[in-house]
Amino acid sequence: QVQLVESGGGLVQAGGSLRLSCTASGSIARVISMAWYCQAPGKQRELVATITSGGKPSYADSAKGRFTISRDNGKNKVFLENNSLKLENTDVYCCTAAVLGKQYWGQGTQVTVSE
């Protein structure tokens, strides 16, 4: 079992920056990769970025150049940053961890971008 807790969401003005954190606990040594997804009301979850246990990042096309994913293995944390938020970035952002044959999800953290 892997437990994930996201934090760092909130209300931000357009053009502002945000750093989301995801703290993992439990069977962390078995985690292969972690990722951030976002979901707007009434829409499906969309992948934002993934990072392997070795720290190699990959991004959805819509996220390239705008989001940065990173991890601190010593603190069992994964981060997602955006330094120029847009209105369309208003979403619930969820952290996920992939273990062989299973995927674990956090509860999500709401990000609201205002004008």
PDB file of N, CA and C in Angstrom:
ATOM      1  N   GLN A   1       0.839  -1.194   0.000  1.00  0.00           N
ATOM      2  CA  GLN A   1       0.000   0.000   0.000  1.00  0.00           C
ATOM      3  C   GLN A   1       0.874   1.244   0.000  1.00  0.00           C
ATOM      4  N   VAL A   2       0.426   2.232  -0.747  1.00  0.00           N
ATOM      5  CA  VAL A   2       1.087   3.532  -0.784  1.00  0.00           C
ATOM      6  C   VAL A   2       0.045   4.602  -0.506  1.00  0.00           C
ATOM      7  N   GLN A   3       0.355   5.490   0.406  1.00  0.00           N
ATOM      8  CA  GLN A   3      -0.546   6.595   0.710  1.00  0.00           C
ATOM      9  C   GLN A   3       0.078   7.892   0.168  1.00  0.00           C
ATOM     10  N   LEU A   4      -0.776   8.719  -0.420  1.00  0.00           N
ATOM     11  CA  LEU A   4      -0.316   9.963  -1.030  1.00  0.00           C
ATOM     12  C   LEU A   4      -1.145  11.123  -0.498  1.00  0.00           C
ATOM     13  N   VAL A   5      -0.473  12.193  -0.118  1.00  0.00           N
ATOM     14  CA  VAL A   5      -1.156  13.387   0.366  1.00  0.00           C
ATOM     15  C   VAL A   5      -0.616  14.592  -0.387  1.00  0.00           C
ATOM     16  N   GLU A   6      -1.519  15.293  -1.082  1.00  0.00           N
ATOM     17  CA  GLU A   6      -1.125  16.492  -1.823  1.00  0.00           C
ATOM     18  C   GLU A   6      -1.324  17.737  -0.975  1.00  0.00           C
ATOM     19  N   SER A   7      -0.545  18.756  -1.268  1.00  0.00           N
ATOM     20  CA  SER A   7      -0.702  20.048  -0.603  1.00  0.00           C
ATOM     21  C   SER A   7      -0.178  21.144  -1.520  1.00  0.00           C
ATOM     22  N   GLY A   8      -0.495  22.379  -1.151  1.00  0.00           N
ATOM     23  CA  GLY A   8       0.030  23.513  -1.899  1.00  0.00           C
ATOM     24  C   GLY A   8      -0.965  24.185  -2.820  1.00  0.00           C
ATOM     25  N   GLY A   9      -2.162  23.637  -2.921  1.00  0.00           N
ATOM     26  CA  GLY A   9      -3.158  24.273  -3.774  1.00  0.00           C
ATOM     27  C   GLY A   9      -3.715  25.530  -3.132  1.00  0.00           C
ATOM     28  N   GLY A  10      -4.522  26.240  -3.892  1.00  0.00           N
ATOM     29  CA  GLY A  10      -5.139  27.446  -3.369  1.00  0.00           C
ATOM     30  C   GLY A  10      -5.559  28.380  -4.475  1.00  0.00           C
ATOM     31  N   LEU A  11      -5.793  29.620  -4.101  1.00  0.00           N
ATOM     32  CA  LEU A  11      -6.226  30.647  -5.046  1.00  0.00           C
ATOM     33  C   LEU A  11      -5.018  31.483  -5.467  1.00  0.00           C
ATOM     34  N   VAL A  12      -4.802  31.569  -6.759  1.00  0.00           N
ATOM     35  CA  VAL A  12      -3.651  32.295  -7.284  1.00  0.00           C
ATOM     36  C   VAL A  12      -4.102  33.180  -8.443  1.00  0.00           C
ATOM     37  N   GLN A  13      -3.505  34.331  -8.561  1.00  0.00           N
ATOM     38  CA  GLN A  13      -3.834  35.209  -9.691  1.00  0.00           C
ATOM     39  C   GLN A  13      -3.133  34.718 -10.958  1.00  0.00           C
ATOM     40  N   ALA A  14      -3.765  34.961 -12.073  1.00  0.00           N
ATOM     41  CA  ALA A  14      -3.162  34.620 -13.356  1.00  0.00           C
ATOM     42  C   ALA A  14      -1.788  35.282 -13.473  1.00  0.00           C
ATOM     43  N   GLY A  15      -0.837  34.520 -13.963  1.00  0.00           N
ATOM     44  CA  GLY A  15       0.533  35.006 -14.058  1.00  0.00           C
ATOM     45  C   GLY A  15       1.367  34.678 -12.838  1.00  0.00           C
ATOM     46  N   GLY A  16       0.708  34.241 -11.773  1.00  0.00           N
ATOM     47  CA  GLY A  16       1.414  33.890 -10.552  1.00  0.00           C
ATOM     48  C   GLY A  16       2.002  32.492 -10.611  1.00  0.00           C
ATOM     49  N   SER A  17       2.609  32.089  -9.522  1.00  0.00           N
ATOM     50  CA  SER A  17       3.282  30.799  -9.484  1.00  0.00           C
ATOM     51  C   SER A  17       2.720  29.931  -8.361  1.00  0.00           C
ATOM     52  N   LEU A  18       2.962  28.638  -8.508  1.00  0.00           N
ATOM     53  CA  LEU A  18       2.461  27.689  -7.530  1.00  0.00           C
ATOM     54  C   LEU A  18       3.391  26.489  -7.488  1.00  0.00           C
ATOM     55  N   ARG A  19       3.552  25.928  -6.296  1.00  0.00           N
ATOM     56  CA  ARG A  19       4.332  24.706  -6.142  1.00  0.00           C
ATOM     57  C   ARG A  19       3.499  23.710  -5.347  1.00  0.00           C
ATOM     58  N   LEU A  20       3.115  22.637  -5.998  1.00  0.00           N
ATOM     59  CA  LEU A  20       2.350  21.591  -5.346  1.00  0.00           C
ATOM     60  C   LEU A  20       3.291  20.517  -4.830  1.00  0.00           C
ATOM     61  N   SER A  21       2.931  19.933  -3.689  1.00  0.00           N
ATOM     62  CA  SER A  21       3.738  18.858  -3.106  1.00  0.00           C
ATOM     63  C   SER A  21       2.887  17.608  -2.934  1.00  0.00           C
ATOM     64  N   CYS A  22       3.519  16.475  -3.088  1.00  0.00           N
ATOM     65  CA  CYS A  22       2.869  15.193  -2.838  1.00  0.00           C
ATOM     66  C   CYS A  22       3.808  14.397  -1.943  1.00  0.00           C
ATOM     67  N   THR A  23       3.307  14.009  -0.775  1.00  0.00           N
ATOM     68  CA  THR A  23       4.109  13.243   0.172  1.00  0.00           C
ATOM     69  C   THR A  23       3.644  11.796   0.155  1.00  0.00           C
ATOM     70  N   ALA A  24       4.565  10.891  -0.065  1.00  0.00           N
ATOM     71  CA  ALA A  24       4.248   9.467  -0.134  1.00  0.00           C
ATOM     72  C   ALA A  24       4.673   8.759   1.148  1.00  0.00           C
ATOM     73  N   SER A  25       3.878   7.765   1.534  1.00  0.00           N
ATOM     74  CA  SER A  25       4.233   6.929   2.683  1.00  0.00           C
ATOM     75  C   SER A  25       3.768   5.502   2.409  1.00  0.00           C
ATOM     76  N   GLY A  26       4.252   4.571   3.180  1.00  0.00           N
ATOM     77  CA  GLY A  26       3.890   3.170   2.973  1.00  0.00           C
ATOM     78  C   GLY A  26       4.993   2.426   2.241  1.00  0.00           C
ATOM     79  N   SER A  27       4.612   1.612   1.268  1.00  0.00           N
ATOM     80  CA  SER A  27       5.569   0.765   0.535  1.00  0.00           C
ATOM     81  C   SER A  27       6.260   1.561  -0.568  1.00  0.00           C
ATOM     82  N   ILE A  28       7.012   2.559  -0.155  1.00  0.00           N
ATOM     83  CA  ILE A  28       7.600   3.519  -1.102  1.00  0.00           C
ATOM     84  C   ILE A  28       8.674   2.875  -1.958  1.00  0.00           C
ATOM     85  N   ALA A  29       9.403   1.926  -1.417  1.00  0.00           N
ATOM     86  CA  ALA A  29      10.496   1.308  -2.161  1.00  0.00           C
ATOM     87  C   ALA A  29      10.003   0.601  -3.419  1.00  0.00           C
ATOM     88  N   ARG A  30       8.717   0.276  -3.474  1.00  0.00           N
ATOM     89  CA  ARG A  30       8.169  -0.444  -4.625  1.00  0.00           C
ATOM     90  C   ARG A  30       7.656   0.507  -5.708  1.00  0.00           C
ATOM     91  N   VAL A  31       7.671   1.792  -5.454  1.00  0.00           N
ATOM     92  CA  VAL A  31       7.131   2.750  -6.425  1.00  0.00           C
ATOM     93  C   VAL A  31       8.053   2.852  -7.635  1.00  0.00           C
ATOM     94  N   ILE A  32       7.482   2.707  -8.816  1.00  0.00           N
ATOM     95  CA  ILE A  32       8.258   2.774 -10.054  1.00  0.00           C
ATOM     96  C   ILE A  32       8.315   4.202 -10.571  1.00  0.00           C
ATOM     97  N   SER A  33       7.175   4.872 -10.569  1.00  0.00           N
ATOM     98  CA  SER A  33       7.132   6.246 -11.036  1.00  0.00           C
ATOM     99  C   SER A  33       5.993   6.958 -10.330  1.00  0.00           C
ATOM    100  N   MET A  34       6.048   8.280 -10.377  1.00  0.00           N
ATOM    101  CA  MET A  34       4.972   9.095  -9.825  1.00  0.00           C
ATOM    102  C   MET A  34       4.574  10.126 -10.863  1.00  0.00           C
ATOM    103  N   ALA A  35       3.368  10.614 -10.721  1.00  0.00           N
ATOM    104  CA  ALA A  35       2.868  11.542 -11.728  1.00  0.00           C
ATOM    105  C   ALA A  35       1.859  12.496 -11.120  1.00  0.00           C
ATOM    106  N   TRP A  36       1.633  13.571 -11.847  1.00  0.00           N
ATOM    107  CA  TRP A  36       0.576  14.521 -11.517  1.00  0.00           C
ATOM    108  C   TRP A  36      -0.450  14.516 -12.640  1.00  0.00           C
ATOM    109  N   TYR A  37      -1.708  14.477 -12.238  1.00  0.00           N
ATOM    110  CA  TYR A  37      -2.825  14.610 -13.152  1.00  0.00           C
ATOM    111  C   TYR A  37      -3.641  15.823 -12.733  1.00  0.00           C
ATOM    112  N   CYS A  38      -4.414  16.347 -13.665  1.00  0.00           N
ATOM    113  CA  CYS A  38      -5.333  17.415 -13.321  1.00  0.00           C
ATOM    114  C   CYS A  38      -6.725  17.042 -13.839  1.00  0.00           C
ATOM    115  N   GLN A  39      -7.724  17.568 -13.167  1.00  0.00           N
ATOM    116  CA  GLN A  39      -9.103  17.276 -13.572  1.00  0.00           C
ATOM    117  C   GLN A  39      -9.982  18.482 -13.333  1.00  0.00           C
ATOM    118  N   ALA A  40     -10.634  18.932 -14.382  1.00  0.00           N
ATOM    119  CA  ALA A  40     -11.596  20.024 -14.275  1.00  0.00           C
ATOM    120  C   ALA A  40     -12.981  19.421 -14.064  1.00  0.00           C
ATOM    121  N   PRO A  41     -13.913  20.179 -13.481  1.00  0.00           N
ATOM    122  CA  PRO A  41     -15.266  19.668 -13.239  1.00  0.00           C
ATOM    123  C   PRO A  41     -15.910  19.146 -14.517  1.00  0.00           C
ATOM    124  N   GLY A  42     -16.434  17.937 -14.463  1.00  0.00           N
ATOM    125  CA  GLY A  42     -17.123  17.364 -15.605  1.00  0.00           C
ATOM    126  C   GLY A  42     -16.220  16.824 -16.686  1.00  0.00           C
ATOM    127  N   LYS A  43     -14.912  16.843 -16.453  1.00  0.00           N
ATOM    128  CA  LYS A  43     -13.975  16.359 -17.471  1.00  0.00           C
ATOM    129  C   LYS A  43     -13.152  15.208 -16.925  1.00  0.00           C
ATOM    130  N   GLN A  44     -12.530  14.479 -17.841  1.00  0.00           N
ATOM    131  CA  GLN A  44     -11.670  13.373 -17.433  1.00  0.00           C
ATOM    132  C   GLN A  44     -10.345  13.884 -16.910  1.00  0.00           C
ATOM    133  N   ARG A  45      -9.719  13.058 -16.098  1.00  0.00           N
ATOM    134  CA  ARG A  45      -8.388  13.424 -15.618  1.00  0.00           C
ATOM    135  C   ARG A  45      -7.403  13.425 -16.771  1.00  0.00           C
ATOM    136  N   GLU A  46      -6.481  14.380 -16.732  1.00  0.00           N
ATOM    137  CA  GLU A  46      -5.464  14.491 -17.775  1.00  0.00           C
ATOM    138  C   GLU A  46      -4.078  14.435 -17.140  1.00  0.00           C
ATOM    139  N   LEU A  47      -3.193  13.737 -17.798  1.00  0.00           N
ATOM    140  CA  LEU A  47      -1.819  13.660 -17.315  1.00  0.00           C
ATOM    141  C   LEU A  47      -1.116  14.997 -17.518  1.00  0.00           C
ATOM    142  N   VAL A  48      -0.399  15.436 -16.492  1.00  0.00           N
ATOM    143  CA  VAL A  48       0.406  16.647 -16.600  1.00  0.00           C
ATOM    144  C   VAL A  48       1.877  16.271 -16.785  1.00  0.00           C
ATOM    145  N   ALA A  49       2.391  15.472 -15.852  1.00  0.00           N
ATOM    146  CA  ALA A  49       3.814  15.114 -15.905  1.00  0.00           C
ATOM    147  C   ALA A  49       4.061  13.846 -15.099  1.00  0.00           C
ATOM    148  N   THR A  50       5.119  13.141 -15.472  1.00  0.00           N
ATOM    149  CA  THR A  50       5.537  11.917 -14.800  1.00  0.00           C
ATOM    150  C   THR A  50       7.010  12.010 -14.468  1.00  0.00           C
ATOM    151  N   ILE A  51       7.403  11.351 -13.387  1.00  0.00           N
ATOM    152  CA  ILE A  51       8.819  11.280 -13.047  1.00  0.00           C
ATOM    153  C   ILE A  51       9.146   9.880 -12.537  1.00  0.00           C
ATOM    154  N   THR A  52      10.238   9.297 -13.048  1.00  0.00           N
ATOM    155  CA  THR A  52      10.609   7.943 -12.650  1.00  0.00           C
ATOM    156  C   THR A  52      11.304   7.956 -11.293  1.00  0.00           C
ATOM    157  N   SER A  53      11.516   6.776 -10.750  1.00  0.00           N
ATOM    158  CA  SER A  53      12.217   6.672  -9.467  1.00  0.00           C
ATOM    159  C   SER A  53      13.649   7.197  -9.590  1.00  0.00           C
ATOM    160  N   GLY A  54      14.181   7.189 -10.815  1.00  0.00           N
ATOM    161  CA  GLY A  54      15.518   7.724 -11.036  1.00  0.00           C
ATOM    162  C   GLY A  54      15.547   9.209 -11.315  1.00  0.00           C
ATOM    163  N   GLY A  55      14.366   9.833 -11.343  1.00  0.00           N
ATOM    164  CA  GLY A  55      14.303  11.285 -11.510  1.00  0.00           C
ATOM    165  C   GLY A  55      14.129  11.777 -12.931  1.00  0.00           C
ATOM    166  N   LYS A  56      13.853  10.877 -13.889  1.00  0.00           N
ATOM    167  CA  LYS A  56      13.668  11.305 -15.269  1.00  0.00           C
ATOM    168  C   LYS A  56      12.241  11.798 -15.467  1.00  0.00           C
ATOM    169  N   PRO A  57      12.088  13.065 -15.883  1.00  0.00           N
ATOM    170  CA  PRO A  57      10.740  13.618 -16.064  1.00  0.00           C
ATOM    171  C   PRO A  57      10.235  13.454 -17.500  1.00  0.00           C
ATOM    172  N   SER A  58       8.941  13.437 -17.641  1.00  0.00           N
ATOM    173  CA  SER A  58       8.317  13.522 -18.951  1.00  0.00           C
ATOM    174  C   SER A  58       7.022  14.303 -18.789  1.00  0.00           C
ATOM    175  N   TYR A  59       6.599  14.984 -19.872  1.00  0.00           N
ATOM    176  CA  TYR A  59       5.472  15.903 -19.787  1.00  0.00           C
ATOM    177  C   TYR A  59       4.468  15.653 -20.895  1.00  0.00           C
ATOM    178  N   ALA A  60       3.207  15.929 -20.570  1.00  0.00           N
ATOM    179  CA  ALA A  60       2.198  15.984 -21.613  1.00  0.00           C
ATOM    180  C   ALA A  60       2.539  17.162 -22.510  1.00  0.00           C
ATOM    181  N   ASP A  61       2.149  17.076 -23.778  1.00  0.00           N
ATOM    182  CA  ASP A  61       2.480  18.158 -24.713  1.00  0.00           C
ATOM    183  C   ASP A  61       1.987  19.511 -24.204  1.00  0.00           C
ATOM    184  N   SER A  62       0.814  19.525 -23.595  1.00  0.00           N
ATOM    185  CA  SER A  62       0.229  20.783 -23.119  1.00  0.00           C
ATOM    186  C   SER A  62       0.983  21.351 -21.922  1.00  0.00           C
ATOM    187  N   ALA A  63       1.783  20.526 -21.275  1.00  0.00           N
ATOM    188  CA  ALA A  63       2.493  20.945 -20.070  1.00  0.00           C
ATOM    189  C   ALA A  63       3.949  21.317 -20.331  1.00  0.00           C
ATOM    190  N   LYS A  64       4.463  20.949 -21.483  1.00  0.00           N
ATOM    191  CA  LYS A  64       5.876  21.203 -21.774  1.00  0.00           C
ATOM    192  C   LYS A  64       6.174  22.696 -21.773  1.00  0.00           C
ATOM    193  N   GLY A  65       7.214  23.057 -21.079  1.00  0.00           N
ATOM    194  CA  GLY A  65       7.619  24.449 -21.012  1.00  0.00           C
ATOM    195  C   GLY A  65       6.832  25.275 -20.006  1.00  0.00           C
ATOM    196  N   ARG A  66       5.818  24.679 -19.400  1.00  0.00           N
ATOM    197  CA  ARG A  66       4.979  25.429 -18.464  1.00  0.00           C
ATOM    198  C   ARG A  66       5.002  24.832 -17.064  1.00  0.00           C
ATOM    199  N   PHE A  67       5.078  23.514 -16.970  1.00  0.00           N
ATOM    200  CA  PHE A  67       5.124  22.835 -15.680  1.00  0.00           C
ATOM    201  C   PHE A  67       6.485  22.170 -15.499  1.00  0.00           C
ATOM    202  N   THR A  68       6.894  22.047 -14.238  1.00  0.00           N
ATOM    203  CA  THR A  68       8.128  21.338 -13.910  1.00  0.00           C
ATOM    204  C   THR A  68       7.831  20.350 -12.801  1.00  0.00           C
ATOM    205  N   ILE A  69       8.171  19.085 -13.046  1.00  0.00           N
ATOM    206  CA  ILE A  69       8.013  18.057 -12.028  1.00  0.00           C
ATOM    207  C   ILE A  69       9.386  17.706 -11.479  1.00  0.00           C
ATOM    208  N   SER A  70       9.452  17.474 -10.179  1.00  0.00           N
ATOM    209  CA  SER A  70      10.713  17.098  -9.555  1.00  0.00           C
ATOM    210  C   SER A  70      10.411  16.226  -8.344  1.00  0.00           C
ATOM    211  N   ARG A  71      11.426  15.609  -7.791  1.00  0.00           N
ATOM    212  CA  ARG A  71      11.191  14.772  -6.620  1.00  0.00           C
ATOM    213  C   ARG A  71      12.369  14.861  -5.658  1.00  0.00           C
ATOM    214  N   ASP A  72      12.064  14.621  -4.400  1.00  0.00           N
ATOM    215  CA  ASP A  72      13.063  14.546  -3.347  1.00  0.00           C
ATOM    216  C   ASP A  72      12.901  13.181  -2.707  1.00  0.00           C
ATOM    217  N   ASN A  73      13.698  12.238  -3.147  1.00  0.00           N
ATOM    218  CA  ASN A  73      13.540  10.868  -2.654  1.00  0.00           C
ATOM    219  C   ASN A  73      13.810  10.765  -1.158  1.00  0.00           C
ATOM    220  N   GLY A  74      14.702  11.613  -0.667  1.00  0.00           N
ATOM    221  CA  GLY A  74      15.020  11.565   0.760  1.00  0.00           C
ATOM    222  C   GLY A  74      13.829  11.931   1.630  1.00  0.00           C
ATOM    223  N   LYS A  75      12.954  12.763   1.078  1.00  0.00           N
ATOM    224  CA  LYS A  75      11.774  13.197   1.830  1.00  0.00           C
ATOM    225  C   LYS A  75      10.494  12.563   1.279  1.00  0.00           C
ATOM    226  N   ASN A  76      10.633  11.652   0.329  1.00  0.00           N
ATOM    227  CA  ASN A  76       9.476  10.961  -0.258  1.00  0.00           C
ATOM    228  C   ASN A  76       8.453  11.953  -0.808  1.00  0.00           C
ATOM    229  N   LYS A  77       8.950  12.958  -1.495  1.00  0.00           N
ATOM    230  CA  LYS A  77       8.062  13.990  -2.019  1.00  0.00           C
ATOM    231  C   LYS A  77       8.247  14.161  -3.526  1.00  0.00           C
ATOM    232  N   VAL A  78       7.160  14.509  -4.167  1.00  0.00           N
ATOM    233  CA  VAL A  78       7.172  14.893  -5.567  1.00  0.00           C
ATOM    234  C   VAL A  78       6.527  16.262  -5.674  1.00  0.00           C
ATOM    235  N   PHE A  79       7.087  17.104  -6.539  1.00  0.00           N
ATOM    236  CA  PHE A  79       6.612  18.481  -6.655  1.00  0.00           C
ATOM    237  C   PHE A  79       6.150  18.767  -8.083  1.00  0.00           C
ATOM    238  N   LEU A  80       5.258  19.720  -8.195  1.00  0.00           N
ATOM    239  CA  LEU A  80       4.833  20.221  -9.508  1.00  0.00           C
ATOM    240  C   LEU A  80       4.791  21.742  -9.424  1.00  0.00           C
ATOM    241  N   GLU A  81       5.528  22.386 -10.306  1.00  0.00           N
ATOM    242  CA  GLU A  81       5.609  23.839 -10.288  1.00  0.00           C
ATOM    243  C   GLU A  81       5.147  24.442 -11.592  1.00  0.00           C
ATOM    244  N   ASN A  82       4.580  25.635 -11.465  1.00  0.00           N
ATOM    245  CA  ASN A  82       4.194  26.421 -12.631  1.00  0.00           C
ATOM    246  C   ASN A  82       4.432  27.868 -12.260  1.00  0.00           C
ATOM    247  N   ASN A  83       5.196  28.571 -13.055  1.00  0.00           N
ATOM    248  CA  ASN A  83       5.557  29.957 -12.746  1.00  0.00           C
ATOM    249  C   ASN A  83       4.772  30.987 -13.531  1.00  0.00           C
ATOM    250  N   SER A  84       3.820  30.546 -14.304  1.00  0.00           N
ATOM    251  CA  SER A  84       3.004  31.491 -15.073  1.00  0.00           C
ATOM    252  C   SER A  84       1.626  30.887 -15.275  1.00  0.00           C
ATOM    253  N   LEU A  85       0.864  30.881 -14.212  1.00  0.00           N
ATOM    254  CA  LEU A  85      -0.428  30.217 -14.247  1.00  0.00           C
ATOM    255  C   LEU A  85      -1.427  30.957 -15.134  1.00  0.00           C
ATOM    256  N   LYS A  86      -2.279  30.173 -15.771  1.00  0.00           N
ATOM    257  CA  LYS A  86      -3.342  30.721 -16.612  1.00  0.00           C
ATOM    258  C   LYS A  86      -4.686  30.289 -16.049  1.00  0.00           C
ATOM    259  N   LEU A  87      -5.723  30.978 -16.489  1.00  0.00           N
ATOM    260  CA  LEU A  87      -7.067  30.658 -16.002  1.00  0.00           C
ATOM    261  C   LEU A  87      -7.404  29.185 -16.230  1.00  0.00           C
ATOM    262  N   GLU A  88      -6.959  28.657 -17.369  1.00  0.00           N
ATOM    263  CA  GLU A  88      -7.299  27.267 -17.694  1.00  0.00           C
ATOM    264  C   GLU A  88      -6.562  26.244 -16.832  1.00  0.00           C
ATOM    265  N   ASN A  89      -5.646  26.701 -15.991  1.00  0.00           N
ATOM    266  CA  ASN A  89      -4.976  25.785 -15.068  1.00  0.00           C
ATOM    267  C   ASN A  89      -5.811  25.529 -13.813  1.00  0.00           C
ATOM    268  N   THR A  90      -6.978  26.136 -13.735  1.00  0.00           N
ATOM    269  CA  THR A  90      -7.882  25.867 -12.614  1.00  0.00           C
ATOM    270  C   THR A  90      -8.367  24.433 -12.707  1.00  0.00           C
ATOM    271  N   ASP A  91      -7.970  23.621 -11.758  1.00  0.00           N
ATOM    272  CA  ASP A  91      -8.255  22.193 -11.766  1.00  0.00           C
ATOM    273  C   ASP A  91      -8.015  21.626 -10.370  1.00  0.00           C
ATOM    274  N   VAL A  92      -8.434  20.393 -10.183  1.00  0.00           N
ATOM    275  CA  VAL A  92      -7.973  19.603  -9.045  1.00  0.00           C
ATOM    276  C   VAL A  92      -6.751  18.825  -9.519  1.00  0.00           C
ATOM    277  N   TYR A  93      -5.649  18.952  -8.801  1.00  0.00           N
ATOM    278  CA  TYR A  93      -4.417  18.276  -9.184  1.00  0.00           C
ATOM    279  C   TYR A  93      -4.217  17.080  -8.257  1.00  0.00           C
ATOM    280  N   CYS A  94      -4.033  15.924  -8.896  1.00  0.00           N
ATOM    281  CA  CYS A  94      -3.892  14.678  -8.148  1.00  0.00           C
ATOM    282  C   CYS A  94      -2.521  14.069  -8.382  1.00  0.00           C
ATOM    283  N   CYS A  95      -1.980  13.515  -7.325  1.00  0.00           N
ATOM    284  CA  CYS A  95      -0.708  12.808  -7.377  1.00  0.00           C
ATOM    285  C   CYS A  95      -1.006  11.314  -7.464  1.00  0.00           C
ATOM    286  N   THR A  96      -0.199  10.607  -8.221  1.00  0.00           N
ATOM    287  CA  THR A  96      -0.381   9.167  -8.338  1.00  0.00           C
ATOM    288  C   THR A  96       0.971   8.471  -8.288  1.00  0.00           C
ATOM    289  N   ALA A  97       0.960   7.246  -7.781  1.00  0.00           N
ATOM    290  CA  ALA A  97       2.177   6.441  -7.711  1.00  0.00           C
ATOM    291  C   ALA A  97       1.915   5.093  -8.366  1.00  0.00           C
ATOM    292  N   ALA A  98       2.836   4.688  -9.220  1.00  0.00           N
ATOM    293  CA  ALA A  98       2.705   3.409  -9.913  1.00  0.00           C
ATOM    294  C   ALA A  98       3.593   2.364  -9.266  1.00  0.00           C
ATOM    295  N   VAL A  99       2.966   1.263  -8.879  1.00  0.00           N
ATOM    296  CA  VAL A  99       3.663   0.095  -8.337  1.00  0.00           C
ATOM    297  C   VAL A  99       3.286  -1.050  -9.258  1.00  0.00           C
ATOM    298  N   LEU A 100       4.108  -2.068  -9.361  1.00  0.00           N
ATOM    299  CA  LEU A 100       3.830  -3.171 -10.269  1.00  0.00           C
ATOM    300  C   LEU A 100       2.388  -3.654 -10.121  1.00  0.00           C
ATOM    301  N   GLY A 101       1.610  -3.453 -11.172  1.00  0.00           N
ATOM    302  CA  GLY A 101       0.241  -3.937 -11.187  1.00  0.00           C
ATOM    303  C   GLY A 101      -0.769  -3.059 -10.489  1.00  0.00           C
ATOM    304  N   LYS A 102      -0.335  -1.949  -9.903  1.00  0.00           N
ATOM    305  CA  LYS A 102      -1.280  -1.087  -9.194  1.00  0.00           C
ATOM    306  C   LYS A 102      -0.917   0.381  -9.359  1.00  0.00           C
ATOM    307  N   GLN A 103      -1.943   1.201  -9.236  1.00  0.00           N
ATOM    308  CA  GLN A 103      -1.742   2.650  -9.241  1.00  0.00           C
ATOM    309  C   GLN A 103      -2.495   3.236  -8.060  1.00  0.00           C
ATOM    310  N   TYR A 104      -1.802   4.036  -7.282  1.00  0.00           N
ATOM    311  CA  TYR A 104      -2.391   4.654  -6.105  1.00  0.00           C
ATOM    312  C   TYR A 104      -2.601   6.140  -6.369  1.00  0.00           C
ATOM    313  N   TRP A 105      -3.672   6.694  -5.761  1.00  0.00           N
ATOM    314  CA  TRP A 105      -4.033   8.091  -5.974  1.00  0.00           C
ATOM    315  C   TRP A 105      -4.164   8.820  -4.644  1.00  0.00           C
ATOM    316  N   GLY A 106      -3.808  10.098  -4.661  1.00  0.00           N
ATOM    317  CA  GLY A 106      -4.102  10.963  -3.541  1.00  0.00           C
ATOM    318  C   GLY A 106      -5.492  11.551  -3.703  1.00  0.00           C
ATOM    319  N   GLN A 107      -5.906  12.349  -2.723  1.00  0.00           N
ATOM    320  CA  GLN A 107      -7.237  12.952  -2.758  1.00  0.00           C
ATOM    321  C   GLN A 107      -7.305  14.162  -3.674  1.00  0.00           C
ATOM    322  N   GLY A 108      -6.164  14.754  -3.948  1.00  0.00           N
ATOM    323  CA  GLY A 108      -6.140  15.908  -4.832  1.00  0.00           C
ATOM    324  C   GLY A 108      -6.096  17.225  -4.069  1.00  0.00           C
ATOM    325  N   THR A 109      -5.616  18.245  -4.739  1.00  0.00           N
ATOM    326  CA  THR A 109      -5.592  19.591  -4.167  1.00  0.00           C
ATOM    327  C   THR A 109      -6.114  20.570  -5.209  1.00  0.00           C
ATOM    328  N   GLN A 110      -7.007  21.451  -4.786  1.00  0.00           N
ATOM    329  CA  GLN A 110      -7.661  22.369  -5.711  1.00  0.00           C
ATOM    330  C   GLN A 110      -6.754  23.568  -5.990  1.00  0.00           C
ATOM    331  N   VAL A 111      -6.605  23.876  -7.258  1.00  0.00           N
ATOM    332  CA  VAL A 111      -5.917  25.097  -7.688  1.00  0.00           C
ATOM    333  C   VAL A 111      -6.916  25.949  -8.449  1.00  0.00           C
ATOM    334  N   THR A 112      -7.101  27.172  -8.001  1.00  0.00           N
ATOM    335  CA  THR A 112      -8.013  28.102  -8.665  1.00  0.00           C
ATOM    336  C   THR A 112      -7.221  29.321  -9.094  1.00  0.00           C
ATOM    337  N   VAL A 113      -7.240  29.602 -10.384  1.00  0.00           N
ATOM    338  CA  VAL A 113      -6.521  30.746 -10.933  1.00  0.00           C
ATOM    339  C   VAL A 113      -7.542  31.831 -11.267  1.00  0.00           C
ATOM    340  N   SER A 114      -7.332  33.003 -10.708  1.00  0.00           N
ATOM    341  CA  SER A 114      -8.270  34.114 -10.914  1.00  0.00           C
ATOM    342  C   SER A 114      -7.632  35.194 -11.778  1.00  0.00           C
ATOM    343  N   GLU A 115      -8.492  36.057 -12.312  1.00  0.00           N
ATOM    344  CA  GLU A 115      -7.985  37.145 -13.163  1.00  0.00           C
ATOM    345  C   GLU A 115      -7.295  38.216 -12.336  1.00  0.00           C
TER     346      GLU A 115
END
